[in-house]
Amino acid sequence: MSKVSRKCVAIVIAVSCILIISVALIATSIKTLSSAEVAIFYNRVFLTLRPEPYYEGLYTGPPGFEFIIYPNTFTTKQFYYFKCLNAEGITMELNVEYQYKAEIDSLQTIMKDFKDFDDFKEILEDEGEAALHNACSRFNTTQFQSERGSFQGVVREQLQKRYTAHFCTIAGVQVDNIAWPSKFEDVIERKERAREDIKVAETERPRLLTEADTEILKAKTQAQIILDKAESDARVRKNKADSVAEAITSQFEKEAETYSQILSNQGLNLNQAGLMSYMGTRVIADAKKPVYIGLGTPAKTSYVTP
């Protein structure tokens, strides 16, 4: 090959290399951004950042520059079947969804702290979990159902508080599918049934008290009747006993008087032995059945005192 040919080949190769390098440099010097993106200009050669954000469009820059891209729209974060402990230490399960967006004017600060959006998103996810745990711990089990709106407001408040510290805005919070353990749900159902039973009992209470008072009054009346009857029977029995006692006493007095007359000179004028014999004879005579008795000897036909 002649010198001229070699020179032409060298020139062609050099031109080709220049063209390739030029195309590569031009390719690396042109960047595009979509309508959903916003970026910070970063020079990889001099390691410098431009403070102003770049929006949708075609941009050129020095070779080796790049855009640190962040979303220019709200990003949705979802926590499905998220578990947390409430104020009573019971595990709750819920779905939470919210939208957030980085503050455009603070993108340079965010980039310095978190490098790019992927690292920034991980930090925001951790902050979101912390905010949900904090909100859950402020409500007991029943409040999750009866005060769901308040709970959602507390979740939004906690998220906004933590995200604001990282130059981020919260657009909306949705909380749904709040669930508690099945055993606790059974307890709640029994508690509600017990509450209804208490209401029924409170409604029935006046009627039952009236019935009880009526039964007490009936019992007192019946007791008074029984007491009055017992007192009346006691008086009758006492009067009857007094009459019988008086009759017996009178009879004994008369017999005593008779026996006294028998012993006196005005009667039969008997001594004590004679009186006893007389009374024995009277007893035998008054007996309704025959009485057989042996009398000692010698028999005496008269007990008259000489």
C-alpha atoms as a PDB file:
ATOM      1  CA  MET A   1       0.000   0.000   0.000  1.00  0.00           C
ATOM      2  CA  SER A   2       1.324   3.430  -0.925  1.00  0.00           C
ATOM      3  CA  LYS A   3       1.833   6.315   1.431  1.00  0.00           C
ATOM      4  CA  VAL A   4      -1.136   8.150  -0.075  1.00  0.00           C
ATOM      5  CA  SER A   5      -3.472   5.257   0.566  1.00  0.00           C
ATOM      6  CA  ARG A   6      -2.258   4.908   4.108  1.00  0.00           C
ATOM      7  CA  LYS A   7      -2.763   8.584   4.682  1.00  0.00           C
ATOM      8  CA  CYS A   8      -6.323   8.432   3.337  1.00  0.00           C
ATOM      9  CA  VAL A   9      -7.160   5.504   5.584  1.00  0.00           C
ATOM     10  CA  ALA A  10      -5.768   7.332   8.617  1.00  0.00           C
ATOM     11  CA  ILE A  11      -7.805  10.398   7.740  1.00  0.00           C
ATOM     12  CA  VAL A  12     -10.986   8.318   7.362  1.00  0.00           C
ATOM     13  CA  ILE A  13     -10.400   6.615  10.688  1.00  0.00           C
ATOM     14  CA  ALA A  14      -9.724   9.920  12.422  1.00  0.00           C
ATOM     15  CA  VAL A  15     -12.832  11.506  10.955  1.00  0.00           C
ATOM     16  CA  SER A  16     -14.881   8.468  11.961  1.00  0.00           C
ATOM     17  CA  CYS A  17     -13.604   8.643  15.527  1.00  0.00           C
ATOM     18  CA  ILE A  18     -14.331  12.349  15.661  1.00  0.00           C
ATOM     19  CA  LEU A  19     -17.835  11.759  14.389  1.00  0.00           C
ATOM     20  CA  ILE A  20     -18.439   8.952  16.883  1.00  0.00           C
ATOM     21  CA  ILE A  21     -17.136  11.053  19.767  1.00  0.00           C
ATOM     22  CA  SER A  22     -19.184  14.017  18.608  1.00  0.00           C
ATOM     23  CA  VAL A  23     -22.336  11.946  18.395  1.00  0.00           C
ATOM     24  CA  ALA A  24     -21.646  10.472  21.853  1.00  0.00           C
ATOM     25  CA  LEU A  25     -21.026  13.897  23.331  1.00  0.00           C
ATOM     26  CA  ILE A  26     -24.133  15.302  21.702  1.00  0.00           C
ATOM     27  CA  ALA A  27     -26.154  12.313  22.936  1.00  0.00           C
ATOM     28  CA  THR A  28     -24.932  12.800  26.498  1.00  0.00           C
ATOM     29  CA  SER A  29     -25.525  16.541  26.257  1.00  0.00           C
ATOM     30  CA  ILE A  30     -29.222  16.269  25.455  1.00  0.00           C
ATOM     31  CA  LYS A  31     -31.840  15.319  28.068  1.00  0.00           C
ATOM     32  CA  THR A  32     -35.636  15.292  27.976  1.00  0.00           C
ATOM     33  CA  LEU A  33     -38.196  15.574  30.778  1.00  0.00           C
ATOM     34  CA  SER A  34     -41.834  14.506  30.602  1.00  0.00           C
ATOM     35  CA  SER A  35     -44.794  16.430  32.000  1.00  0.00           C
ATOM     36  CA  ALA A  36     -44.834  14.183  35.094  1.00  0.00           C
ATOM     37  CA  GLU A  37     -41.191  14.906  35.941  1.00  0.00           C
ATOM     38  CA  VAL A  38     -39.216  17.684  37.551  1.00  0.00           C
ATOM     39  CA  ALA A  39     -35.443  17.606  37.924  1.00  0.00           C
ATOM     40  CA  ILE A  40     -32.330  19.240  39.289  1.00  0.00           C
ATOM     41  CA  PHE A  41     -29.387  19.829  36.926  1.00  0.00           C
ATOM     42  CA  TYR A  42     -26.257  17.961  38.066  1.00  0.00           C
ATOM     43  CA  ASN A  43     -22.796  18.256  36.472  1.00  0.00           C
ATOM     44  CA  ARG A  44     -20.963  14.993  37.044  1.00  0.00           C
ATOM     45  CA  VAL A  45     -17.614  16.453  35.952  1.00  0.00           C
ATOM     46  CA  PHE A  46     -17.548  19.444  38.292  1.00  0.00           C
ATOM     47  CA  LEU A  47     -19.983  17.932  40.863  1.00  0.00           C
ATOM     48  CA  THR A  48     -22.201  20.995  40.915  1.00  0.00           C
ATOM     49  CA  LEU A  49     -25.974  21.468  41.233  1.00  0.00           C
ATOM     50  CA  ARG A  50     -28.117  24.195  39.797  1.00  0.00           C
ATOM     51  CA  PRO A  51     -30.707  25.482  42.270  1.00  0.00           C
ATOM     52  CA  GLU A  52     -33.597  26.021  39.846  1.00  0.00           C
ATOM     53  CA  PRO A  53     -35.866  23.062  38.976  1.00  0.00           C
ATOM     54  CA  TYR A  54     -36.276  21.916  35.364  1.00  0.00           C
ATOM     55  CA  TYR A  55     -39.684  20.957  33.993  1.00  0.00           C
ATOM     56  CA  GLU A  56     -41.002  19.236  30.866  1.00  0.00           C
ATOM     57  CA  GLY A  57     -38.899  19.829  27.727  1.00  0.00           C
ATOM     58  CA  LEU A  58     -35.703  19.126  25.801  1.00  0.00           C
ATOM     59  CA  TYR A  59     -32.480  20.381  27.372  1.00  0.00           C
ATOM     60  CA  THR A  60     -28.812  20.514  26.373  1.00  0.00           C
ATOM     61  CA  GLY A  61     -25.812  20.901  28.615  1.00  0.00           C
ATOM     62  CA  PRO A  62     -22.154  20.151  28.981  1.00  0.00           C
ATOM     63  CA  PRO A  63     -21.063  16.607  28.298  1.00  0.00           C
ATOM     64  CA  GLY A  64     -21.656  14.290  31.255  1.00  0.00           C
ATOM     65  CA  PHE A  65     -24.466  16.277  32.913  1.00  0.00           C
ATOM     66  CA  GLU A  66     -27.586  14.538  34.155  1.00  0.00           C
ATOM     67  CA  PHE A  67     -30.947  15.272  35.721  1.00  0.00           C
ATOM     68  CA  ILE A  68     -31.845  14.050  39.233  1.00  0.00           C
ATOM     69  CA  ILE A  69     -35.517  13.369  38.533  1.00  0.00           C
ATOM     70  CA  TYR A  70     -38.420  13.542  40.989  1.00  0.00           C
ATOM     71  CA  PRO A  71     -42.162  13.097  40.266  1.00  0.00           C
ATOM     72  CA  ASN A  72     -44.005  16.288  39.437  1.00  0.00           C
ATOM     73  CA  THR A  73     -47.297  14.667  40.442  1.00  0.00           C
ATOM     74  CA  PHE A  74     -48.580  13.183  43.669  1.00  0.00           C
ATOM     75  CA  THR A  75     -47.280   9.699  44.430  1.00  0.00           C
ATOM     76  CA  THR A  76     -49.625   7.203  46.084  1.00  0.00           C
ATOM     77  CA  LYS A  77     -48.367   5.170  49.002  1.00  0.00           C
ATOM     78  CA  GLN A  78     -50.381   2.126  50.085  1.00  0.00           C
ATOM     79  CA  PHE A  79     -50.169   0.118  53.296  1.00  0.00           C
ATOM     80  CA  TYR A  80     -52.271  -3.037  52.898  1.00  0.00           C
ATOM     81  CA  TYR A  81     -53.070  -5.233  55.904  1.00  0.00           C
ATOM     82  CA  PHE A  82     -51.015  -2.939  58.088  1.00  0.00           C
ATOM     83  CA  LYS A  83     -50.867  -4.162  61.697  1.00  0.00           C
ATOM     84  CA  CYS A  84     -50.489  -1.893  64.695  1.00  0.00           C
ATOM     85  CA  LEU A  85     -51.227  -1.901  68.429  1.00  0.00           C
ATOM     86  CA  ASN A  86     -54.035   0.283  69.751  1.00  0.00           C
ATOM     87  CA  ALA A  87     -54.254   1.991  73.150  1.00  0.00           C
ATOM     88  CA  GLU A  88     -55.389  -1.304  74.757  1.00  0.00           C
ATOM     89  CA  GLY A  89     -52.477  -3.295  73.313  1.00  0.00           C
ATOM     90  CA  ILE A  90     -54.709  -5.126  70.820  1.00  0.00           C
ATOM     91  CA  THR A  91     -53.423  -5.748  67.296  1.00  0.00           C
ATOM     92  CA  MET A  92     -55.484  -3.919  64.688  1.00  0.00           C
ATOM     93  CA  GLU A  93     -55.346  -4.518  60.944  1.00  0.00           C
ATOM     94  CA  LEU A  94     -56.189  -1.804  58.430  1.00  0.00           C
ATOM     95  CA  ASN A  95     -55.563  -0.496  54.913  1.00  0.00           C
ATOM     96  CA  VAL A  96     -54.189   3.015  54.531  1.00  0.00           C
ATOM     97  CA  GLU A  97     -53.584   4.934  51.336  1.00  0.00           C
ATOM     98  CA  TYR A  98     -52.326   8.496  50.924  1.00  0.00           C
ATOM     99  CA  GLN A  99     -50.754  10.782  48.324  1.00  0.00           C
ATOM    100  CA  TYR A 100     -47.607  12.842  48.780  1.00  0.00           C
ATOM    101  CA  LYS A 101     -45.397  15.138  46.704  1.00  0.00           C
ATOM    102  CA  ALA A 102     -41.991  16.676  47.267  1.00  0.00           C
ATOM    103  CA  GLU A 103     -41.855  20.467  47.503  1.00  0.00           C
ATOM    104  CA  ILE A 104     -40.418  21.728  44.206  1.00  0.00           C
ATOM    105  CA  ASP A 105     -38.593  24.667  45.779  1.00  0.00           C
ATOM    106  CA  SER A 106     -36.791  22.304  48.180  1.00  0.00           C
ATOM    107  CA  LEU A 107     -35.615  19.711  45.646  1.00  0.00           C
ATOM    108  CA  GLN A 108     -31.950  20.737  45.962  1.00  0.00           C
ATOM    109  CA  THR A 109     -32.092  20.327  49.750  1.00  0.00           C
ATOM    110  CA  ILE A 110     -33.878  16.988  49.393  1.00  0.00           C
ATOM    111  CA  MET A 111     -31.276  15.775  46.935  1.00  0.00           C
ATOM    112  CA  LYS A 112     -28.438  16.751  49.228  1.00  0.00           C
ATOM    113  CA  ASP A 113     -30.066  14.823  52.080  1.00  0.00           C
ATOM    114  CA  PHE A 114     -31.331  11.745  50.212  1.00  0.00           C
ATOM    115  CA  LYS A 115     -29.433  11.694  46.857  1.00  0.00           C
ATOM    116  CA  ASP A 116     -32.300  10.567  44.625  1.00  0.00           C
ATOM    117  CA  PHE A 117     -36.009   9.784  44.717  1.00  0.00           C
ATOM    118  CA  ASP A 118     -35.530   6.069  45.463  1.00  0.00           C
ATOM    119  CA  ASP A 119     -33.696   6.780  48.724  1.00  0.00           C
ATOM    120  CA  PHE A 120     -36.125   9.582  49.502  1.00  0.00           C
ATOM    121  CA  LYS A 121     -39.076   7.215  49.006  1.00  0.00           C
ATOM    122  CA  GLU A 122     -37.627   4.655  51.439  1.00  0.00           C
ATOM    123  CA  ILE A 123     -37.306   7.301  54.159  1.00  0.00           C
ATOM    124  CA  LEU A 124     -40.864   8.479  53.537  1.00  0.00           C
ATOM    125  CA  GLU A 125     -42.140   4.893  53.815  1.00  0.00           C
ATOM    126  CA  ASP A 126     -40.445   4.489  57.204  1.00  0.00           C
ATOM    127  CA  GLU A 127     -41.898   7.801  58.354  1.00  0.00           C
ATOM    128  CA  GLY A 128     -45.346   6.681  57.178  1.00  0.00           C
ATOM    129  CA  GLU A 129     -45.178   3.488  59.228  1.00  0.00           C
ATOM    130  CA  ALA A 130     -44.087   5.442  62.300  1.00  0.00           C
ATOM    131  CA  ALA A 131     -46.979   7.884  61.830  1.00  0.00           C
ATOM    132  CA  LEU A 132     -49.513   5.024  61.564  1.00  0.00           C
ATOM    133  CA  HIS A 133     -48.191   3.329  64.710  1.00  0.00           C
ATOM    134  CA  ASN A 134     -48.398   6.641  66.576  1.00  0.00           C
ATOM    135  CA  ALA A 135     -51.991   7.235  65.446  1.00  0.00           C
ATOM    136  CA  CYS A 136     -53.099   3.685  66.338  1.00  0.00           C
ATOM    137  CA  SER A 137     -51.769   4.011  69.874  1.00  0.00           C
ATOM    138  CA  ARG A 138     -54.148   6.923  70.568  1.00  0.00           C
ATOM    139  CA  PHE A 139     -57.416   5.013  70.037  1.00  0.00           C
ATOM    140  CA  ASN A 140     -58.970   2.037  71.801  1.00  0.00           C
ATOM    141  CA  THR A 141     -60.678  -0.799  69.976  1.00  0.00           C
ATOM    142  CA  THR A 142     -64.224   0.533  69.886  1.00  0.00           C
ATOM    143  CA  GLN A 143     -63.063   4.021  68.858  1.00  0.00           C
ATOM    144  CA  PHE A 144     -61.646   2.588  65.640  1.00  0.00           C
ATOM    145  CA  GLN A 145     -65.246   1.971  64.558  1.00  0.00           C
ATOM    146  CA  SER A 146     -67.200   4.685  66.359  1.00  0.00           C
ATOM    147  CA  GLU A 147     -64.648   7.465  65.665  1.00  0.00           C
ATOM    148  CA  ARG A 148     -63.225   6.419  62.306  1.00  0.00           C
ATOM    149  CA  GLY A 149     -63.289   9.998  61.004  1.00  0.00           C
ATOM    150  CA  SER A 150     -61.281  11.221  63.991  1.00  0.00           C
ATOM    151  CA  PHE A 151     -58.801   8.389  63.538  1.00  0.00           C
ATOM    152  CA  GLN A 152     -58.329   9.247  59.877  1.00  0.00           C
ATOM    153  CA  GLY A 153     -57.757  12.871  60.861  1.00  0.00           C
ATOM    154  CA  VAL A 154     -55.087  11.872  63.383  1.00  0.00           C
ATOM    155  CA  VAL A 155     -53.388   9.697  60.735  1.00  0.00           C
ATOM    156  CA  ARG A 156     -53.306  12.658  58.355  1.00  0.00           C
ATOM    157  CA  GLU A 157     -51.998  14.935  61.095  1.00  0.00           C
ATOM    158  CA  GLN A 158     -49.175  12.550  62.007  1.00  0.00           C
ATOM    159  CA  LEU A 159     -48.228  11.968  58.368  1.00  0.00           C
ATOM    160  CA  GLN A 160     -48.219  15.676  57.557  1.00  0.00           C
ATOM    161  CA  LYS A 161     -46.124  16.428  60.647  1.00  0.00           C
ATOM    162  CA  ARG A 162     -43.440  13.901  59.675  1.00  0.00           C
ATOM    163  CA  TYR A 163     -43.510  14.559  55.929  1.00  0.00           C
ATOM    164  CA  THR A 164     -43.298  18.327  56.378  1.00  0.00           C
ATOM    165  CA  ALA A 165     -39.973  17.813  58.152  1.00  0.00           C
ATOM    166  CA  HIS A 166     -38.737  16.257  54.894  1.00  0.00           C
ATOM    167  CA  PHE A 167     -40.157  18.991  52.630  1.00  0.00           C
ATOM    168  CA  CYS A 168     -43.077  16.892  51.467  1.00  0.00           C
ATOM    169  CA  THR A 169     -46.829  17.627  51.190  1.00  0.00           C
ATOM    170  CA  ILE A 170     -49.723  15.241  51.955  1.00  0.00           C
ATOM    171  CA  ALA A 171     -52.737  15.540  49.637  1.00  0.00           C
ATOM    172  CA  GLY A 172     -55.165  12.959  51.016  1.00  0.00           C
ATOM    173  CA  VAL A 173     -55.533  10.034  53.413  1.00  0.00           C
ATOM    174  CA  GLN A 174     -57.917   7.098  53.054  1.00  0.00           C
ATOM    175  CA  VAL A 175     -58.379   4.510  55.825  1.00  0.00           C
ATOM    176  CA  ASP A 176     -60.581   1.441  55.327  1.00  0.00           C
ATOM    177  CA  ASN A 177     -61.030  -2.252  56.160  1.00  0.00           C
ATOM    178  CA  ILE A 178     -60.308  -1.739  59.852  1.00  0.00           C
ATOM    179  CA  ALA A 179     -60.368  -5.180  61.457  1.00  0.00           C
ATOM    180  CA  TRP A 180     -59.667  -6.579  64.917  1.00  0.00           C
ATOM    181  CA  PRO A 181     -58.985 -10.158  66.085  1.00  0.00           C
ATOM    182  CA  SER A 182     -61.960 -12.522  65.759  1.00  0.00           C
ATOM    183  CA  LYS A 183     -61.884 -13.361  69.469  1.00  0.00           C
ATOM    184  CA  PHE A 184     -62.184  -9.704  70.361  1.00  0.00           C
ATOM    185  CA  GLU A 185     -65.034  -9.344  67.890  1.00  0.00           C
ATOM    186  CA  ASP A 186     -66.880 -12.122  69.724  1.00  0.00           C
ATOM    187  CA  VAL A 187     -66.310 -10.287  72.990  1.00  0.00           C
ATOM    188  CA  ILE A 188     -67.657  -7.072  71.474  1.00  0.00           C
ATOM    189  CA  GLU A 189     -70.779  -8.873  70.250  1.00  0.00           C
ATOM    190  CA  ARG A 190     -71.379 -10.352  73.699  1.00  0.00           C
ATOM    191  CA  LYS A 191     -70.822  -6.950  75.228  1.00  0.00           C
ATOM    192  CA  GLU A 192     -73.377  -5.376  72.889  1.00  0.00           C
ATOM    193  CA  ARG A 193     -75.883  -8.123  73.703  1.00  0.00           C
ATOM    194  CA  ALA A 194     -75.259  -7.555  77.403  1.00  0.00           C
ATOM    195  CA  ARG A 195     -75.815  -3.825  76.916  1.00  0.00           C
ATOM    196  CA  GLU A 196     -79.139  -4.523  75.191  1.00  0.00           C
ATOM    197  CA  ASP A 197     -80.136  -6.899  78.002  1.00  0.00           C
ATOM    198  CA  ILE A 198     -79.330  -4.177  80.523  1.00  0.00           C
ATOM    199  CA  LYS A 199     -81.548  -1.722  78.646  1.00  0.00           C
ATOM    200  CA  VAL A 200     -84.398  -4.253  78.631  1.00  0.00           C
ATOM    201  CA  ALA A 201     -83.886  -4.900  82.344  1.00  0.00           C
ATOM    202  CA  GLU A 202     -83.940  -1.170  83.075  1.00  0.00           C
ATOM    203  CA  THR A 203     -87.200  -0.877  81.121  1.00  0.00           C
ATOM    204  CA  GLU A 204     -88.735  -3.801  83.022  1.00  0.00           C
ATOM    205  CA  ARG A 205     -87.428  -2.612  86.390  1.00  0.00           C
ATOM    206  CA  PRO A 206     -90.410  -0.362  87.394  1.00  0.00           C
ATOM    207  CA  ARG A 207     -92.911  -3.133  86.623  1.00  0.00           C
ATOM    208  CA  LEU A 208     -90.921  -5.734  88.512  1.00  0.00           C
ATOM    209  CA  LEU A 209     -90.513  -3.388  91.481  1.00  0.00           C
ATOM    210  CA  THR A 210     -94.274  -2.796  91.533  1.00  0.00           C
ATOM    211  CA  GLU A 211     -94.922  -6.530  91.450  1.00  0.00           C
ATOM    212  CA  ALA A 212     -92.390  -7.082  94.229  1.00  0.00           C
ATOM    213  CA  ASP A 213     -93.958  -4.327  96.364  1.00  0.00           C
ATOM    214  CA  THR A 214     -97.382  -5.901  95.795  1.00  0.00           C
ATOM    215  CA  GLU A 215     -96.099  -9.316  96.880  1.00  0.00           C
ATOM    216  CA  ILE A 216     -94.489  -7.773  99.963  1.00  0.00           C
ATOM    217  CA  LEU A 217     -97.761  -6.021 100.856  1.00  0.00           C
ATOM    218  CA  LYS A 218     -99.706  -9.262 100.374  1.00  0.00           C
ATOM    219  CA  ALA A 219     -97.220 -11.125 102.563  1.00  0.00           C
ATOM    220  CA  LYS A 220     -97.441  -8.468 105.284  1.00  0.00           C
ATOM    221  CA  THR A 221    -101.248  -8.554 105.165  1.00  0.00           C
ATOM    222  CA  GLN A 222    -101.308 -12.352 105.340  1.00  0.00           C
ATOM    223  CA  ALA A 223     -98.812 -12.289 108.195  1.00  0.00           C
ATOM    224  CA  GLN A 224    -100.982  -9.791 110.078  1.00  0.00           C
ATOM    225  CA  ILE A 225    -104.050 -11.986 109.540  1.00  0.00           C
ATOM    226  CA  ILE A 226    -102.188 -15.031 110.844  1.00  0.00           C
ATOM    227  CA  LEU A 227    -100.876 -13.047 113.814  1.00  0.00           C
ATOM    228  CA  ASP A 228    -104.334 -11.683 114.670  1.00  0.00           C
ATOM    229  CA  LYS A 229    -105.832 -15.188 114.441  1.00  0.00           C
ATOM    230  CA  ALA A 230    -103.061 -16.597 116.607  1.00  0.00           C
ATOM    231  CA  GLU A 231    -103.629 -13.895 119.222  1.00  0.00           C
ATOM    232  CA  SER A 232    -107.378 -14.537 119.122  1.00  0.00           C
ATOM    233  CA  ASP A 233    -106.869 -18.305 119.514  1.00  0.00           C
ATOM    234  CA  ALA A 234    -104.434 -17.650 122.333  1.00  0.00           C
ATOM    235  CA  ARG A 235    -106.961 -15.471 124.159  1.00  0.00           C
ATOM    236  CA  VAL A 236    -109.692 -18.102 123.714  1.00  0.00           C
ATOM    237  CA  ARG A 237    -107.419 -20.883 124.951  1.00  0.00           C
ATOM    238  CA  LYS A 238    -106.250 -18.759 127.869  1.00  0.00           C
ATOM    239  CA  ASN A 239    -109.812 -17.891 128.897  1.00  0.00           C
ATOM    240  CA  LYS A 240    -110.791 -21.532 128.578  1.00  0.00           C
ATOM    241  CA  ALA A 241    -107.767 -22.617 130.608  1.00  0.00           C
ATOM    242  CA  ASP A 242    -108.537 -19.976 133.229  1.00  0.00           C
ATOM    243  CA  SER A 243    -112.118 -21.271 133.459  1.00  0.00           C
ATOM    244  CA  VAL A 244    -111.002 -24.881 133.794  1.00  0.00           C
ATOM    245  CA  ALA A 245    -108.389 -23.916 136.386  1.00  0.00           C
ATOM    246  CA  GLU A 246    -110.949 -21.930 138.303  1.00  0.00           C
ATOM    247  CA  ALA A 247    -113.406 -24.849 138.209  1.00  0.00           C
ATOM    248  CA  ILE A 248    -110.749 -27.297 139.394  1.00  0.00           C
ATOM    249  CA  THR A 249    -109.654 -24.921 142.108  1.00  0.00           C
ATOM    250  CA  SER A 250    -113.266 -24.474 143.228  1.00  0.00           C
ATOM    251  CA  GLN A 251    -113.775 -28.227 143.229  1.00  0.00           C
ATOM    252  CA  PHE A 252    -110.635 -28.779 145.253  1.00  0.00           C
ATOM    253  CA  GLU A 253    -111.698 -26.064 147.674  1.00  0.00           C
ATOM    254  CA  LYS A 254    -115.082 -27.679 148.129  1.00  0.00           C
ATOM    255  CA  GLU A 255    -113.542 -31.099 148.660  1.00  0.00           C
ATOM    256  CA  ALA A 256    -111.109 -29.608 151.121  1.00  0.00           C
ATOM    257  CA  GLU A 257    -113.994 -27.994 152.936  1.00  0.00           C
ATOM    258  CA  THR A 258    -115.894 -31.316 152.953  1.00  0.00           C
ATOM    259  CA  TYR A 259    -112.890 -33.211 154.277  1.00  0.00           C
ATOM    260  CA  SER A 260    -112.417 -30.544 156.880  1.00  0.00           C
ATOM    261  CA  GLN A 261    -115.992 -30.997 158.005  1.00  0.00           C
ATOM    262  CA  ILE A 262    -115.517 -34.773 158.098  1.00  0.00           C
ATOM    263  CA  LEU A 263    -112.578 -34.361 160.402  1.00  0.00           C
ATOM    264  CA  SER A 264    -114.354 -31.848 162.611  1.00  0.00           C
ATOM    265  CA  ASN A 265    -116.682 -32.598 165.427  1.00  0.00           C
ATOM    266  CA  GLN A 266    -119.601 -31.351 163.377  1.00  0.00           C
ATOM    267  CA  GLY A 267    -119.100 -34.036 160.721  1.00  0.00           C
ATOM    268  CA  LEU A 268    -118.249 -37.673 161.078  1.00  0.00           C
ATOM    269  CA  ASN A 269    -115.616 -36.878 163.661  1.00  0.00           C
ATOM    270  CA  LEU A 270    -112.976 -39.073 162.016  1.00  0.00           C
ATOM    271  CA  ASN A 271    -109.289 -39.107 162.693  1.00  0.00           C
ATOM    272  CA  GLN A 272    -106.758 -39.130 159.883  1.00  0.00           C
ATOM    273  CA  ALA A 273    -106.718 -42.941 159.606  1.00  0.00           C
ATOM    274  CA  GLY A 274    -110.467 -43.010 159.473  1.00  0.00           C
ATOM    275  CA  LEU A 275    -110.482 -40.294 156.796  1.00  0.00           C
ATOM    276  CA  MET A 276    -108.097 -42.321 154.687  1.00  0.00           C
ATOM    277  CA  SER A 277    -110.274 -45.420 155.061  1.00  0.00           C
ATOM    278  CA  TYR A 278    -113.334 -43.366 154.179  1.00  0.00           C
ATOM    279  CA  MET A 279    -111.709 -41.976 151.075  1.00  0.00           C
ATOM    280  CA  GLY A 280    -110.563 -45.445 150.020  1.00  0.00           C
ATOM    281  CA  THR A 281    -114.075 -46.734 150.367  1.00  0.00           C
ATOM    282  CA  ARG A 282    -115.390 -43.829 148.294  1.00  0.00           C
ATOM    283  CA  VAL A 283    -112.854 -44.493 145.559  1.00  0.00           C
ATOM    284  CA  ILE A 284    -113.799 -48.145 145.387  1.00  0.00           C
ATOM    285  CA  ALA A 285    -117.471 -47.311 145.385  1.00  0.00           C
ATOM    286  CA  ASP A 286    -117.146 -44.771 142.611  1.00  0.00           C
ATOM    287  CA  ALA A 287    -115.099 -47.092 140.406  1.00  0.00           C
ATOM    288  CA  LYS A 288    -116.860 -47.998 137.174  1.00  0.00           C
ATOM    289  CA  LYS A 289    -115.387 -51.487 137.206  1.00  0.00           C
ATOM    290  CA  PRO A 290    -115.130 -53.967 140.086  1.00  0.00           C
ATOM    291  CA  VAL A 291    -112.099 -53.394 142.317  1.00  0.00           C
ATOM    292  CA  TYR A 292    -110.572 -56.255 144.190  1.00  0.00           C
ATOM    293  CA  ILE A 293    -108.459 -55.326 147.158  1.00  0.00           C
ATOM    294  CA  GLY A 294    -107.241 -57.107 150.251  1.00  0.00           C
ATOM    295  CA  LEU A 295    -107.701 -55.274 153.543  1.00  0.00           C
ATOM    296  CA  GLY A 296    -105.555 -55.938 156.539  1.00  0.00           C
ATOM    297  CA  THR A 297    -106.916 -57.666 159.658  1.00  0.00           C
ATOM    298  CA  PRO A 298    -108.475 -57.322 162.056  1.00  0.00           C
ATOM    299  CA  ALA A 299    -111.120 -55.517 160.121  1.00  0.00           C
ATOM    300  CA  LYS A 300    -112.631 -52.474 161.581  1.00  0.00           C
ATOM    301  CA  THR A 301    -116.235 -51.671 161.112  1.00  0.00           C
ATOM    302  CA  SER A 302    -116.007 -48.198 162.500  1.00  0.00           C
ATOM    303  CA  TYR A 303    -113.439 -45.490 162.282  1.00  0.00           C
ATOM    304  CA  VAL A 304    -115.244 -43.239 164.682  1.00  0.00           C
ATOM    305  CA  THR A 305    -112.953 -41.819 167.253  1.00  0.00           C
ATOM    306  CA  PRO A 306    -113.959 -42.930 170.741  1.00  0.00           C
END
